[in-house]
Amino acid sequence: MLVPGFRVKAVDTTGCGDAFLAGLLCGIARRRARLSSINLKSWYDICLSANAMGALTAMKEGGIPALPDSQEVSRFLKEYAS
């Protein structure tokens, strides 16, 4: 499965990997299911969201201050993943 990334104007890449991992773990935790029971569509959605978190983080300066909240991720996905 290939999950596309997002082309954004990067200002600072500090924390992008951390943001991606946080998005991945958050997506898994929200499913409240064993990893082996998460279906392919759900994995795709989890990874797409994690990619969005990394992209959003790159668009701002700083590590922690650049981390997006769930509303920012939702808005970003509506605009860029359509």
Protein backbone atom coordinates (compact mmCIF):
# COMPACT_ATOMS: atom_id res chain seq x y z
CA MET A 1 0.00 0.00 0.00
CA LEU A 2 1.31 3.43 -0.91
CA VAL A 3 0.06 6.41 1.07
CA PRO A 4 0.85 9.72 -0.63
CA GLY A 5 2.66 12.52 1.12
CA PHE A 6 1.80 16.18 0.76
CA ARG A 7 3.77 18.86 -1.07
CA VAL A 8 4.01 21.88 1.18
CA LYS A 9 6.35 24.84 1.53
CA ALA A 10 8.65 23.71 4.32
CA VAL A 11 9.70 26.41 6.77
CA ASP A 12 11.30 24.14 9.38
CA THR A 13 11.46 20.34 9.41
CA THR A 14 12.14 20.13 13.15
CA GLY A 15 9.62 17.73 14.68
CA CYS A 16 8.13 16.41 11.42
CA GLY A 17 9.05 12.81 12.17
CA ASP A 18 7.76 13.17 15.73
CA ALA A 19 4.50 14.62 14.40
CA PHE A 20 4.16 11.74 11.94
CA LEU A 21 4.73 9.16 14.69
CA ALA A 22 2.28 10.93 17.01
CA GLY A 23 -0.33 10.85 14.23
CA LEU A 24 0.32 7.17 13.62
CA LEU A 25 0.03 6.26 17.31
CA CYS A 26 -3.04 8.46 17.79
CA GLY A 27 -4.78 6.84 14.83
CA ILE A 28 -4.03 3.38 16.19
CA ALA A 29 -5.16 4.28 19.71
CA ARG A 30 -8.43 5.78 18.47
CA ARG A 31 -9.39 2.48 16.89
CA ARG A 32 -9.17 0.67 20.24
CA ALA A 33 -8.41 -2.53 18.41
CA ARG A 34 -5.58 -5.00 18.12
CA LEU A 35 -3.13 -4.07 15.39
CA SER A 36 -3.86 -7.31 13.58
CA SER A 37 -7.55 -6.44 13.35
CA ILE A 38 -7.11 -3.00 11.73
CA ASN A 39 -8.17 -3.29 8.09
CA LEU A 40 -6.27 -1.91 5.10
CA LYS A 41 -8.61 1.09 4.62
CA SER A 42 -8.14 2.09 8.25
CA TRP A 43 -4.35 1.75 7.93
CA TYR A 44 -4.49 4.00 4.87
CA ASP A 45 -6.50 6.63 6.77
CA ILE A 46 -4.18 6.44 9.77
CA CYS A 47 -1.09 6.90 7.60
CA LEU A 48 -2.66 9.71 5.55
CA SER A 49 -3.46 11.57 8.76
CA ALA A 50 0.07 10.99 10.05
CA ASN A 51 1.47 12.33 6.76
CA ALA A 52 -0.72 15.42 7.17
CA MET A 53 0.60 15.98 10.68
CA GLY A 54 4.18 15.84 9.41
CA ALA A 55 3.39 18.22 6.54
CA LEU A 56 1.62 20.72 8.78
CA THR A 57 4.53 20.69 11.20
CA ALA A 58 6.94 21.51 8.37
CA MET A 59 4.91 24.59 7.48
CA LYS A 60 5.67 26.37 10.79
CA GLU A 61 8.78 27.21 12.77
CA GLY A 62 9.80 25.30 15.86
CA GLY A 63 9.26 21.78 17.06
CA ILE A 64 6.54 21.75 19.70
CA PRO A 65 4.88 25.06 18.66
CA ALA A 66 4.44 23.75 15.12
CA LEU A 67 2.57 20.58 16.10
CA PRO A 68 -1.00 20.69 14.75
CA ASP A 69 -4.16 19.89 16.66
CA SER A 70 -6.86 17.55 15.37
CA GLN A 71 -8.92 20.40 13.89
CA GLU A 72 -5.95 21.63 11.83
CA VAL A 73 -5.35 18.11 10.55
CA SER A 74 -9.02 17.71 9.59
CA ARG A 75 -9.06 21.03 7.72
CA PHE A 76 -5.79 20.18 5.96
CA LEU A 77 -7.07 16.77 4.85
CA LYS A 78 -10.30 18.28 3.52
CA GLU A 79 -8.31 20.76 1.45
CA TYR A 80 -5.36 18.67 0.28
CA ALA A 81 -6.54 15.05 0.25
CA SER A 82 -9.62 15.56 -1.89
